[in-house]
Every structure is written in structure tokens, then in C-alpha cells.
Amino acid sequence: MAITHTIAGGMGGIRAAGDLVARMQLSRHMRINQAKEYVANKLHVSVKDLCDPVVMGQVRDDLKLGLIEQKPRRARGMEAKFHIAEVLGIEINSVNKFKEKSGLSAR
């Protein structure tokens, strides 16, 4: 787990796409290059763009995947996690638990 966190931090974490790549490594047991390709395809960007904080800032804002800086009327917290789960096509425990408690059906 420490290696995954180190690599995600090196990719810029939430400033770029490091958190998304790390999530795919941990949830789907993907190797780093496979996870990068998967995330890049889902976000419709190149693998190189995953490390670019300017490009990824715009992509994250457009897809409502959360940003470091809190801006009014922008996705954050659970809303961002809902969008991450949807865009990447993965299950996130906190999202599923939120849906259960609120009476929403899990997808």
C-alpha cells in the first residue's frame, strides 16, 4: 500500500489523476501502466495528460471528480465520490453505504 501511495503522490494525487490511478490499482489489482491506461481511456485523455495538473484540473472540474481547492458550486466530498464511481465504473464502499442509508438503489 505504501508504494501505491508514493506513486499516486508522484502523479500529483488529486491535483492530477494519481488518486484515480491508485484507486484502480487497489480496487482492481491493476499494475501501474494498466491502471493509467484504464483511467486515461475513461477520462478521454492521453496517459501523459494524467500527470498534467492544468489539463486534469479542467477534466476533474468538467466531470465533477473533485478538486483540491474548494470553489463554490463545485463537486466535493461524497458528490465527487459518486461521480468517480460512475466515471471509472467501480464500486466504492462509502458510496454504496450512502445509497443504502438514503434509500437509493445501488447500481
PDB file of N, CA and C in Angstrom:
ATOM      1  N   MET A   1       0.822  -1.186   0.000  1.00  0.00           N
ATOM      2  CA  MET A   1       0.000   0.000   0.000  1.00  0.00           C
ATOM      3  C   MET A   1       0.866   1.251   0.000  1.00  0.00           C
ATOM      4  N   ALA A   2       1.994   1.226   0.662  1.00  0.00           N
ATOM      5  CA  ALA A   2       2.874   2.391   0.710  1.00  0.00           C
ATOM      6  C   ALA A   2       3.383   2.746  -0.682  1.00  0.00           C
ATOM      7  N   ILE A   3       3.664   1.739  -1.491  1.00  0.00           N
ATOM      8  CA  ILE A   3       4.151   2.006  -2.850  1.00  0.00           C
ATOM      9  C   ILE A   3       3.062   2.685  -3.670  1.00  0.00           C
ATOM     10  N   THR A   4       1.826   2.214  -3.558  1.00  0.00           N
ATOM     11  CA  THR A   4       0.723   2.818  -4.289  1.00  0.00           C
ATOM     12  C   THR A   4       0.557   4.275  -3.900  1.00  0.00           C
ATOM     13  N   HIS A   5       0.649   4.571  -2.604  1.00  0.00           N
ATOM     14  CA  HIS A   5       0.527   5.960  -2.152  1.00  0.00           C
ATOM     15  C   HIS A   5       1.672   6.813  -2.680  1.00  0.00           C
ATOM     16  N   THR A   6       2.871   6.276  -2.712  1.00  0.00           N
ATOM     17  CA  THR A   6       4.023   7.011  -3.215  1.00  0.00           C
ATOM     18  C   THR A   6       3.860   7.334  -4.696  1.00  0.00           C
ATOM     19  N   ILE A   7       3.438   6.354  -5.466  1.00  0.00           N
ATOM     20  CA  ILE A   7       3.241   6.564  -6.903  1.00  0.00           C
ATOM     21  C   ILE A   7       2.117   7.564  -7.137  1.00  0.00           C
ATOM     22  N   ALA A   8       1.023   7.441  -6.392  1.00  0.00           N
ATOM     23  CA  ALA A   8      -0.100   8.372  -6.548  1.00  0.00           C
ATOM     24  C   ALA A   8       0.341   9.781  -6.218  1.00  0.00           C
ATOM     25  N   GLY A   9       1.134   9.940  -5.170  1.00  0.00           N
ATOM     26  CA  GLY A   9       1.636  11.268  -4.816  1.00  0.00           C
ATOM     27  C   GLY A   9       2.534  11.816  -5.900  1.00  0.00           C
ATOM     28  N   GLY A  10       3.341  10.955  -6.504  1.00  0.00           N
ATOM     29  CA  GLY A  10       4.218  11.371  -7.584  1.00  0.00           C
ATOM     30  C   GLY A  10       3.463  11.775  -8.829  1.00  0.00           C
ATOM     31  N   MET A  11       2.256  11.268  -9.006  1.00  0.00           N
ATOM     32  CA  MET A  11       1.428  11.656 -10.149  1.00  0.00           C
ATOM     33  C   MET A  11       0.595  12.885  -9.830  1.00  0.00           C
ATOM     34  N   GLY A  12       0.784  13.481  -8.686  1.00  0.00           N
ATOM     35  CA  GLY A  12       0.053  14.686  -8.357  1.00  0.00           C
ATOM     36  C   GLY A  12      -1.164  14.449  -7.496  1.00  0.00           C
ATOM     37  N   GLY A  13      -1.418  13.204  -7.089  1.00  0.00           N
ATOM     38  CA  GLY A  13      -2.585  12.938  -6.245  1.00  0.00           C
ATOM     39  C   GLY A  13      -3.850  13.498  -6.859  1.00  0.00           C
ATOM     40  N   ILE A  14      -4.615  14.257  -6.085  1.00  0.00           N
ATOM     41  CA  ILE A  14      -5.868  14.833  -6.581  1.00  0.00           C
ATOM     42  C   ILE A  14      -5.622  16.053  -7.467  1.00  0.00           C
ATOM     43  N   ARG A  15      -4.394  16.574  -7.470  1.00  0.00           N
ATOM     44  CA  ARG A  15      -4.077  17.687  -8.375  1.00  0.00           C
ATOM     45  C   ARG A  15      -4.109  17.217  -9.830  1.00  0.00           C
ATOM     46  N   ALA A  16      -3.843  15.962 -10.058  1.00  0.00           N
ATOM     47  CA  ALA A  16      -3.860  15.405 -11.401  1.00  0.00           C
ATOM     48  C   ALA A  16      -4.772  14.176 -11.378  1.00  0.00           C
ATOM     49  N   ALA A  17      -4.221  12.994 -11.602  1.00  0.00           N
ATOM     50  CA  ALA A  17      -5.054  11.785 -11.601  1.00  0.00           C
ATOM     51  C   ALA A  17      -4.463  10.680 -10.754  1.00  0.00           C
ATOM     52  N   GLY A  18      -3.495  10.989  -9.925  1.00  0.00           N
ATOM     53  CA  GLY A  18      -2.845   9.970  -9.105  1.00  0.00           C
ATOM     54  C   GLY A  18      -3.800   9.224  -8.209  1.00  0.00           C
ATOM     55  N   ASP A  19      -4.773   9.927  -7.639  1.00  0.00           N
ATOM     56  CA  ASP A  19      -5.736   9.268  -6.762  1.00  0.00           C
ATOM     57  C   ASP A  19      -6.612   8.290  -7.533  1.00  0.00           C
ATOM     58  N   LEU A  20      -6.954   8.626  -8.766  1.00  0.00           N
ATOM     59  CA  LEU A  20      -7.802   7.753  -9.581  1.00  0.00           C
ATOM     60  C   LEU A  20      -7.036   6.502 -10.012  1.00  0.00           C
ATOM     61  N   VAL A  21      -5.778   6.698 -10.388  1.00  0.00           N
ATOM     62  CA  VAL A  21      -4.941   5.563 -10.782  1.00  0.00           C
ATOM     63  C   VAL A  21      -4.724   4.642  -9.582  1.00  0.00           C
ATOM     64  N   ALA A  22      -4.439   5.215  -8.423  1.00  0.00           N
ATOM     65  CA  ALA A  22      -4.239   4.403  -7.215  1.00  0.00           C
ATOM     66  C   ALA A  22      -5.508   3.636  -6.861  1.00  0.00           C
ATOM     67  N   ARG A  23      -6.654   4.269  -7.029  1.00  0.00           N
ATOM     68  CA  ARG A  23      -7.931   3.598  -6.740  1.00  0.00           C
ATOM     69  C   ARG A  23      -8.094   2.374  -7.632  1.00  0.00           C
ATOM     70  N   MET A  24      -7.712   2.493  -8.904  1.00  0.00           N
ATOM     71  CA  MET A  24      -7.832   1.357  -9.812  1.00  0.00           C
ATOM     72  C   MET A  24      -6.823   0.264  -9.456  1.00  0.00           C
ATOM     73  N   GLN A  25      -5.635   0.656  -9.033  1.00  0.00           N
ATOM     74  CA  GLN A  25      -4.640  -0.336  -8.618  1.00  0.00           C
ATOM     75  C   GLN A  25      -5.153  -1.135  -7.429  1.00  0.00           C
ATOM     76  N   LEU A  26      -5.756  -0.446  -6.478  1.00  0.00           N
ATOM     77  CA  LEU A  26      -6.197  -1.129  -5.263  1.00  0.00           C
ATOM     78  C   LEU A  26      -7.508  -1.889  -5.456  1.00  0.00           C
ATOM     79  N   SER A  27      -8.448  -1.311  -6.189  1.00  0.00           N
ATOM     80  CA  SER A  27      -9.758  -1.962  -6.317  1.00  0.00           C
ATOM     81  C   SER A  27      -9.771  -3.072  -7.361  1.00  0.00           C
ATOM     82  N   ARG A  28      -8.991  -2.933  -8.426  1.00  0.00           N
ATOM     83  CA  ARG A  28      -8.993  -3.926  -9.497  1.00  0.00           C
ATOM     84  C   ARG A  28      -7.679  -4.674  -9.624  1.00  0.00           C
ATOM     85  N   HIS A  29      -6.757  -4.446  -8.682  1.00  0.00           N
ATOM     86  CA  HIS A  29      -5.463  -5.131  -8.671  1.00  0.00           C
ATOM     87  C   HIS A  29      -4.709  -4.961  -9.992  1.00  0.00           C
ATOM     88  N   MET A  30      -4.756  -3.746 -10.531  1.00  0.00           N
ATOM     89  CA  MET A  30      -4.076  -3.451 -11.790  1.00  0.00           C
ATOM     90  C   MET A  30      -2.639  -3.020 -11.520  1.00  0.00           C
ATOM     91  N   ARG A  31      -1.784  -3.286 -12.459  1.00  0.00           N
ATOM     92  CA  ARG A  31      -0.429  -2.748 -12.417  1.00  0.00           C
ATOM     93  C   ARG A  31      -0.500  -1.273 -12.824  1.00  0.00           C
ATOM     94  N   ILE A  32       0.535  -0.514 -12.502  1.00  0.00           N
ATOM     95  CA  ILE A  32       0.505   0.934 -12.694  1.00  0.00           C
ATOM     96  C   ILE A  32       0.205   1.330 -14.141  1.00  0.00           C
ATOM     97  N   ASN A  33       0.872   0.726 -15.108  1.00  0.00           N
ATOM     98  CA  ASN A  33       0.648   1.105 -16.513  1.00  0.00           C
ATOM     99  C   ASN A  33      -0.756   0.743 -16.981  1.00  0.00           C
ATOM    100  N   GLN A  34      -1.244  -0.389 -16.528  1.00  0.00           N
ATOM    101  CA  GLN A  34      -2.600  -0.811 -16.878  1.00  0.00           C
ATOM    102  C   GLN A  34      -3.621   0.147 -16.264  1.00  0.00           C
ATOM    103  N   ALA A  35      -3.407   0.553 -15.028  1.00  0.00           N
ATOM    104  CA  ALA A  35      -4.309   1.472 -14.349  1.00  0.00           C
ATOM    105  C   ALA A  35      -4.298   2.841 -15.028  1.00  0.00           C
ATOM    106  N   LYS A  36      -3.119   3.313 -15.429  1.00  0.00           N
ATOM    107  CA  LYS A  36      -3.019   4.601 -16.125  1.00  0.00           C
ATOM    108  C   LYS A  36      -3.797   4.567 -17.434  1.00  0.00           C
ATOM    109  N   GLU A  37      -3.624   3.491 -18.206  1.00  0.00           N
ATOM    110  CA  GLU A  37      -4.332   3.371 -19.473  1.00  0.00           C
ATOM    111  C   GLU A  37      -5.843   3.322 -19.261  1.00  0.00           C
ATOM    112  N   TYR A  38      -6.276   2.570 -18.265  1.00  0.00           N
ATOM    113  CA  TYR A  38      -7.705   2.454 -17.967  1.00  0.00           C
ATOM    114  C   TYR A  38      -8.294   3.825 -17.624  1.00  0.00           C
ATOM    115  N   VAL A  39      -7.638   4.548 -16.713  1.00  0.00           N
ATOM    116  CA  VAL A  39      -8.137   5.853 -16.289  1.00  0.00           C
ATOM    117  C   VAL A  39      -8.106   6.829 -17.461  1.00  0.00           C
ATOM    118  N   ALA A  40      -7.032   6.840 -18.228  1.00  0.00           N
ATOM    119  CA  ALA A  40      -6.933   7.741 -19.378  1.00  0.00           C
ATOM    120  C   ALA A  40      -8.065   7.486 -20.364  1.00  0.00           C
ATOM    121  N   ASN A  41      -8.368   6.223 -20.634  1.00  0.00           N
ATOM    122  CA  ASN A  41      -9.465   5.890 -21.545  1.00  0.00           C
ATOM    123  C   ASN A  41     -10.808   6.357 -20.995  1.00  0.00           C
ATOM    124  N   LYS A  42     -11.039   6.153 -19.714  1.00  0.00           N
ATOM    125  CA  LYS A  42     -12.311   6.560 -19.103  1.00  0.00           C
ATOM    126  C   LYS A  42     -12.476   8.075 -19.094  1.00  0.00           C
ATOM    127  N   LEU A  43     -11.353   8.809 -18.958  1.00  0.00           N
ATOM    128  CA  LEU A  43     -11.416  10.274 -18.904  1.00  0.00           C
ATOM    129  C   LEU A  43     -11.255  10.907 -20.285  1.00  0.00           C
ATOM    130  N   HIS A  44     -10.992  10.091 -21.293  1.00  0.00           N
ATOM    131  CA  HIS A  44     -10.798  10.567 -22.669  1.00  0.00           C
ATOM    132  C   HIS A  44      -9.635  11.542 -22.776  1.00  0.00           C
ATOM    133  N   VAL A  45      -8.511  11.175 -22.151  1.00  0.00           N
ATOM    134  CA  VAL A  45      -7.277  11.947 -22.239  1.00  0.00           C
ATOM    135  C   VAL A  45      -6.134  10.984 -22.532  1.00  0.00           C
ATOM    136  N   SER A  46      -4.955  11.525 -22.812  1.00  0.00           N
ATOM    137  CA  SER A  46      -3.792  10.666 -23.020  1.00  0.00           C
ATOM    138  C   SER A  46      -3.189  10.293 -21.667  1.00  0.00           C
ATOM    139  N   VAL A  47      -2.369   9.257 -21.670  1.00  0.00           N
ATOM    140  CA  VAL A  47      -1.707   8.844 -20.438  1.00  0.00           C
ATOM    141  C   VAL A  47      -0.808   9.976 -19.935  1.00  0.00           C
ATOM    142  N   LYS A  48      -0.158  10.708 -20.844  1.00  0.00           N
ATOM    143  CA  LYS A  48       0.683  11.844 -20.449  1.00  0.00           C
ATOM    144  C   LYS A  48      -0.130  12.919 -19.725  1.00  0.00           C
ATOM    145  N   ASP A  49      -1.351  13.142 -20.152  1.00  0.00           N
ATOM    146  CA  ASP A  49      -2.201  14.177 -19.539  1.00  0.00           C
ATOM    147  C   ASP A  49      -2.558  13.856 -18.094  1.00  0.00           C
ATOM    148  N   LEU A  50      -2.486  12.603 -17.701  1.00  0.00           N
ATOM    149  CA  LEU A  50      -2.838  12.222 -16.332  1.00  0.00           C
ATOM    150  C   LEU A  50      -1.954  12.909 -15.295  1.00  0.00           C
ATOM    151  N   CYS A  51      -0.745  13.270 -15.676  1.00  0.00           N
ATOM    152  CA  CYS A  51       0.200  13.917 -14.754  1.00  0.00           C
ATOM    153  C   CYS A  51       0.190  15.436 -14.874  1.00  0.00           C
ATOM    154  N   ASP A  52      -0.568  15.969 -15.792  1.00  0.00           N
ATOM    155  CA  ASP A  52      -0.601  17.419 -16.018  1.00  0.00           C
ATOM    156  C   ASP A  52      -1.708  18.045 -15.165  1.00  0.00           C
ATOM    157  N   PRO A  53      -1.335  18.824 -14.141  1.00  0.00           N
ATOM    158  CA  PRO A  53      -2.341  19.383 -13.245  1.00  0.00           C
ATOM    159  C   PRO A  53      -3.280  20.388 -13.909  1.00  0.00           C
ATOM    160  N   VAL A  54      -2.819  21.046 -14.979  1.00  0.00           N
ATOM    161  CA  VAL A  54      -3.674  22.011 -15.669  1.00  0.00           C
ATOM    162  C   VAL A  54      -4.769  21.273 -16.448  1.00  0.00           C
ATOM    163  N   VAL A  55      -4.354  20.299 -17.252  1.00  0.00           N
ATOM    164  CA  VAL A  55      -5.317  19.509 -18.026  1.00  0.00           C
ATOM    165  C   VAL A  55      -6.268  18.775 -17.086  1.00  0.00           C
ATOM    166  N   MET A  56      -5.707  18.100 -16.094  1.00  0.00           N
ATOM    167  CA  MET A  56      -6.540  17.303 -15.199  1.00  0.00           C
ATOM    168  C   MET A  56      -7.443  18.174 -14.325  1.00  0.00           C
ATOM    169  N   GLY A  57      -7.008  19.377 -14.002  1.00  0.00           N
ATOM    170  CA  GLY A  57      -7.880  20.283 -13.256  1.00  0.00           C
ATOM    171  C   GLY A  57      -9.154  20.565 -14.036  1.00  0.00           C
ATOM    172  N   GLN A  58      -9.007  20.799 -15.326  1.00  0.00           N
ATOM    173  CA  GLN A  58     -10.172  21.060 -16.179  1.00  0.00           C
ATOM    174  C   GLN A  58     -11.030  19.798 -16.329  1.00  0.00           C
ATOM    175  N   VAL A  59     -10.374  18.660 -16.546  1.00  0.00           N
ATOM    176  CA  VAL A  59     -11.104  17.393 -16.704  1.00  0.00           C
ATOM    177  C   VAL A  59     -11.862  17.070 -15.412  1.00  0.00           C
ATOM    178  N   ARG A  60     -11.181  17.193 -14.266  1.00  0.00           N
ATOM    179  CA  ARG A  60     -11.814  16.884 -12.977  1.00  0.00           C
ATOM    180  C   ARG A  60     -12.993  17.814 -12.724  1.00  0.00           C
ATOM    181  N   ASP A  61     -12.836  19.081 -13.091  1.00  0.00           N
ATOM    182  CA  ASP A  61     -13.928  20.040 -12.899  1.00  0.00           C
ATOM    183  C   ASP A  61     -15.103  19.704 -13.816  1.00  0.00           C
ATOM    184  N   ASP A  62     -14.814  19.423 -15.077  1.00  0.00           N
ATOM    185  CA  ASP A  62     -15.875  19.096 -16.046  1.00  0.00           C
ATOM    186  C   ASP A  62     -16.640  17.836 -15.652  1.00  0.00           C
ATOM    187  N   LEU A  63     -15.916  16.816 -15.162  1.00  0.00           N
ATOM    188  CA  LEU A  63     -16.548  15.543 -14.806  1.00  0.00           C
ATOM    189  C   LEU A  63     -16.987  15.482 -13.342  1.00  0.00           C
ATOM    190  N   LYS A  64     -16.760  16.571 -12.609  1.00  0.00           N
ATOM    191  CA  LYS A  64     -17.155  16.684 -11.197  1.00  0.00           C
ATOM    192  C   LYS A  64     -16.488  15.608 -10.335  1.00  0.00           C
ATOM    193  N   LEU A  65     -15.161  15.460 -10.521  1.00  0.00           N
ATOM    194  CA  LEU A  65     -14.405  14.447  -9.782  1.00  0.00           C
ATOM    195  C   LEU A  65     -13.688  15.019  -8.567  1.00  0.00           C
ATOM    196  N   GLY A  66     -13.926  16.253  -8.241  1.00  0.00           N
ATOM    197  CA  GLY A  66     -13.317  16.870  -7.069  1.00  0.00           C
ATOM    198  C   GLY A  66     -12.011  17.578  -7.385  1.00  0.00           C
ATOM    199  N   LEU A  67     -11.762  18.654  -6.667  1.00  0.00           N
ATOM    200  CA  LEU A  67     -10.550  19.450  -6.821  1.00  0.00           C
ATOM    201  C   LEU A  67      -9.967  19.722  -5.447  1.00  0.00           C
ATOM    202  N   ILE A  68      -8.683  20.070  -5.402  1.00  0.00           N
ATOM    203  CA  ILE A  68      -8.068  20.406  -4.110  1.00  0.00           C
ATOM    204  C   ILE A  68      -8.672  21.682  -3.560  1.00  0.00           C
ATOM    205  N   GLU A  69      -8.738  22.709  -4.391  1.00  0.00           N
ATOM    206  CA  GLU A  69      -9.288  23.978  -3.917  1.00  0.00           C
ATOM    207  C   GLU A  69     -10.812  23.903  -3.924  1.00  0.00           C
ATOM    208  N   GLN A  70     -11.392  24.336  -2.839  1.00  0.00           N
ATOM    209  CA  GLN A  70     -12.851  24.303  -2.715  1.00  0.00           C
ATOM    210  C   GLN A  70     -13.434  25.551  -3.345  1.00  0.00           C
ATOM    211  N   LYS A  71     -14.175  25.381  -4.399  1.00  0.00           N
ATOM    212  CA  LYS A  71     -14.813  26.502  -5.090  1.00  0.00           C
ATOM    213  C   LYS A  71     -16.327  26.361  -4.947  1.00  0.00           C
ATOM    214  N   PRO A  72     -17.024  27.472  -4.935  1.00  0.00           N
ATOM    215  CA  PRO A  72     -18.486  27.392  -4.850  1.00  0.00           C
ATOM    216  C   PRO A  72     -19.067  26.623  -6.032  1.00  0.00           C
ATOM    217  N   ARG A  73     -20.112  25.893  -5.758  1.00  0.00           N
ATOM    218  CA  ARG A  73     -20.849  25.126  -6.773  1.00  0.00           C
ATOM    219  C   ARG A  73     -19.991  24.115  -7.530  1.00  0.00           C
ATOM    220  N   ARG A  74     -18.979  23.563  -6.858  1.00  0.00           N
ATOM    221  CA  ARG A  74     -18.143  22.516  -7.439  1.00  0.00           C
ATOM    222  C   ARG A  74     -18.313  21.242  -6.614  1.00  0.00           C
ATOM    223  N   ALA A  75     -18.143  20.101  -7.275  1.00  0.00           N
ATOM    224  CA  ALA A  75     -18.292  18.813  -6.587  1.00  0.00           C
ATOM    225  C   ALA A  75     -17.210  18.654  -5.533  1.00  0.00           C
ATOM    226  N   ARG A  76     -17.597  18.131  -4.377  1.00  0.00           N
ATOM    227  CA  ARG A  76     -16.639  17.814  -3.322  1.00  0.00           C
ATOM    228  C   ARG A  76     -17.230  16.694  -2.469  1.00  0.00           C
ATOM    229  N   GLY A  77     -16.385  16.066  -1.687  1.00  0.00           N
ATOM    230  CA  GLY A  77     -16.837  15.033  -0.764  1.00  0.00           C
ATOM    231  C   GLY A  77     -17.548  13.885  -1.449  1.00  0.00           C
ATOM    232  N   MET A  78     -18.698  13.535  -0.893  1.00  0.00           N
ATOM    233  CA  MET A  78     -19.450  12.383  -1.404  1.00  0.00           C
ATOM    234  C   MET A  78     -19.922  12.584  -2.842  1.00  0.00           C
ATOM    235  N   GLU A  79     -20.256  13.793  -3.188  1.00  0.00           N
ATOM    236  CA  GLU A  79     -20.687  14.040  -4.569  1.00  0.00           C
ATOM    237  C   GLU A  79     -19.572  13.662  -5.544  1.00  0.00           C
ATOM    238  N   ALA A  80     -18.347  14.055  -5.233  1.00  0.00           N
ATOM    239  CA  ALA A  80     -17.211  13.707  -6.086  1.00  0.00           C
ATOM    240  C   ALA A  80     -17.021  12.191  -6.133  1.00  0.00           C
ATOM    241  N   LYS A  81     -17.177  11.520  -4.990  1.00  0.00           N
ATOM    242  CA  LYS A  81     -17.027  10.056  -4.970  1.00  0.00           C
ATOM    243  C   LYS A  81     -18.098   9.382  -5.823  1.00  0.00           C
ATOM    244  N   PHE A  82     -19.323   9.893  -5.803  1.00  0.00           N
ATOM    245  CA  PHE A  82     -20.381   9.353  -6.659  1.00  0.00           C
ATOM    246  C   PHE A  82     -19.951   9.431  -8.123  1.00  0.00           C
ATOM    247  N   HIS A  83     -19.422  10.574  -8.516  1.00  0.00           N
ATOM    248  CA  HIS A  83     -19.007  10.762  -9.904  1.00  0.00           C
ATOM    249  C   HIS A  83     -17.799   9.896 -10.255  1.00  0.00           C
ATOM    250  N   ILE A  84     -16.850   9.756  -9.333  1.00  0.00           N
ATOM    251  CA  ILE A  84     -15.688   8.898  -9.569  1.00  0.00           C
ATOM    252  C   ILE A  84     -16.132   7.462  -9.802  1.00  0.00           C
ATOM    253  N   ALA A  85     -17.025   6.974  -8.958  1.00  0.00           N
ATOM    254  CA  ALA A  85     -17.533   5.602  -9.109  1.00  0.00           C
ATOM    255  C   ALA A  85     -18.216   5.420 -10.460  1.00  0.00           C
ATOM    256  N   GLU A  86     -18.983   6.405 -10.864  1.00  0.00           N
ATOM    257  CA  GLU A  86     -19.706   6.320 -12.130  1.00  0.00           C
ATOM    258  C   GLU A  86     -18.756   6.376 -13.325  1.00  0.00           C
ATOM    259  N   VAL A  87     -17.840   7.331 -13.325  1.00  0.00           N
ATOM    260  CA  VAL A  87     -16.931   7.510 -14.451  1.00  0.00           C
ATOM    261  C   VAL A  87     -15.985   6.318 -14.606  1.00  0.00           C
ATOM    262  N   LEU A  88     -15.434   5.832 -13.499  1.00  0.00           N
ATOM    263  CA  LEU A  88     -14.489   4.722 -13.569  1.00  0.00           C
ATOM    264  C   LEU A  88     -15.172   3.357 -13.621  1.00  0.00           C
ATOM    265  N   GLY A  89     -16.466   3.311 -13.353  1.00  0.00           N
ATOM    266  CA  GLY A  89     -17.189   2.043 -13.392  1.00  0.00           C
ATOM    267  C   GLY A  89     -16.786   1.100 -12.281  1.00  0.00           C
ATOM    268  N   ILE A  90     -16.627   1.646 -11.066  1.00  0.00           N
ATOM    269  CA  ILE A  90     -16.194   0.845  -9.922  1.00  0.00           C
ATOM    270  C   ILE A  90     -17.162   1.016  -8.757  1.00  0.00           C
ATOM    271  N   GLU A  91     -17.061   0.086  -7.826  1.00  0.00           N
ATOM    272  CA  GLU A  91     -17.821   0.161  -6.587  1.00  0.00           C
ATOM    273  C   GLU A  91     -16.960   0.864  -5.540  1.00  0.00           C
ATOM    274  N   ILE A  92     -17.548   1.820  -4.832  1.00  0.00           N
ATOM    275  CA  ILE A  92     -16.880   2.482  -3.721  1.00  0.00           C
ATOM    276  C   ILE A  92     -17.762   2.254  -2.498  1.00  0.00           C
ATOM    277  N   ASN A  93     -17.191   1.645  -1.460  1.00  0.00           N
ATOM    278  CA  ASN A  93     -17.971   1.262  -0.281  1.00  0.00           C
ATOM    279  C   ASN A  93     -18.758   2.421   0.313  1.00  0.00           C
ATOM    280  N   SER A  94     -18.130   3.572   0.479  1.00  0.00           N
ATOM    281  CA  SER A  94     -18.833   4.702   1.102  1.00  0.00           C
ATOM    282  C   SER A  94     -20.007   5.166   0.243  1.00  0.00           C
ATOM    283  N   VAL A  95     -19.877   5.077  -1.061  1.00  0.00           N
ATOM    284  CA  VAL A  95     -20.975   5.449  -1.960  1.00  0.00           C
ATOM    285  C   VAL A  95     -22.117   4.453  -1.809  1.00  0.00           C
ATOM    286  N   ASN A  96     -21.791   3.169  -1.782  1.00  0.00           N
ATOM    287  CA  ASN A  96     -22.831   2.147  -1.632  1.00  0.00           C
ATOM    288  C   ASN A  96     -23.549   2.268  -0.283  1.00  0.00           C
ATOM    289  N   LYS A  97     -22.791   2.530   0.785  1.00  0.00           N
ATOM    290  CA  LYS A  97     -23.409   2.692   2.105  1.00  0.00           C
ATOM    291  C   LYS A  97     -24.303   3.927   2.148  1.00  0.00           C
ATOM    292  N   PHE A  98     -23.868   4.995   1.517  1.00  0.00           N
ATOM    293  CA  PHE A  98     -24.671   6.210   1.448  1.00  0.00           C
ATOM    294  C   PHE A  98     -25.983   5.934   0.718  1.00  0.00           C
ATOM    295  N   LYS A  99     -25.887   5.198  -0.385  1.00  0.00           N
ATOM    296  CA  LYS A  99     -27.090   4.854  -1.152  1.00  0.00           C
ATOM    297  C   LYS A  99     -28.041   3.993  -0.326  1.00  0.00           C
ATOM    298  N   GLU A 100     -27.492   3.028   0.422  1.00  0.00           N
ATOM    299  CA  GLU A 100     -28.317   2.160   1.262  1.00  0.00           C
ATOM    300  C   GLU A 100     -29.058   2.973   2.320  1.00  0.00           C
ATOM    301  N   LYS A 101     -28.346   3.848   3.003  1.00  0.00           N
ATOM    302  CA  LYS A 101     -28.946   4.635   4.080  1.00  0.00           C
ATOM    303  C   LYS A 101     -29.963   5.644   3.574  1.00  0.00           C
ATOM    304  N   SER A 102     -29.744   6.156   2.365  1.00  0.00           N
ATOM    305  CA  SER A 102     -30.645   7.159   1.838  1.00  0.00           C
ATOM    306  C   SER A 102     -31.807   6.548   1.056  1.00  0.00           C
ATOM    307  N   GLY A 103     -31.773   5.234   0.875  1.00  0.00           N
ATOM    308  CA  GLY A 103     -32.857   4.559   0.166  1.00  0.00           C
ATOM    309  C   GLY A 103     -32.667   4.541  -1.343  1.00  0.00           C
ATOM    310  N   LEU A 104     -31.530   5.013  -1.818  1.00  0.00           N
ATOM    311  CA  LEU A 104     -31.241   4.958  -3.251  1.00  0.00           C
ATOM    312  C   LEU A 104     -30.802   3.551  -3.590  1.00  0.00           C
ATOM    313  N   SER A 105     -31.100   3.107  -4.779  1.00  0.00           N
ATOM    314  CA  SER A 105     -30.688   1.759  -5.160  1.00  0.00           C
ATOM    315  C   SER A 105     -29.237   1.790  -5.620  1.00  0.00           C
ATOM    316  N   ALA A 106     -28.481   0.800  -5.192  1.00  0.00           N
ATOM    317  CA  ALA A 106     -27.092   0.673  -5.641  1.00  0.00           C
ATOM    318  C   ALA A 106     -27.106   0.202  -7.076  1.00  0.00           C
ATOM    319  N   ARG A 107     -26.221   0.773  -7.890  1.00  0.00           N
ATOM    320  CA  ARG A 107     -26.198   0.431  -9.317  1.00  0.00           C
ATOM    321  C   ARG A 107     -25.493  -0.845  -9.561  1.00  0.00           C
TER     322      ARG A 107
END
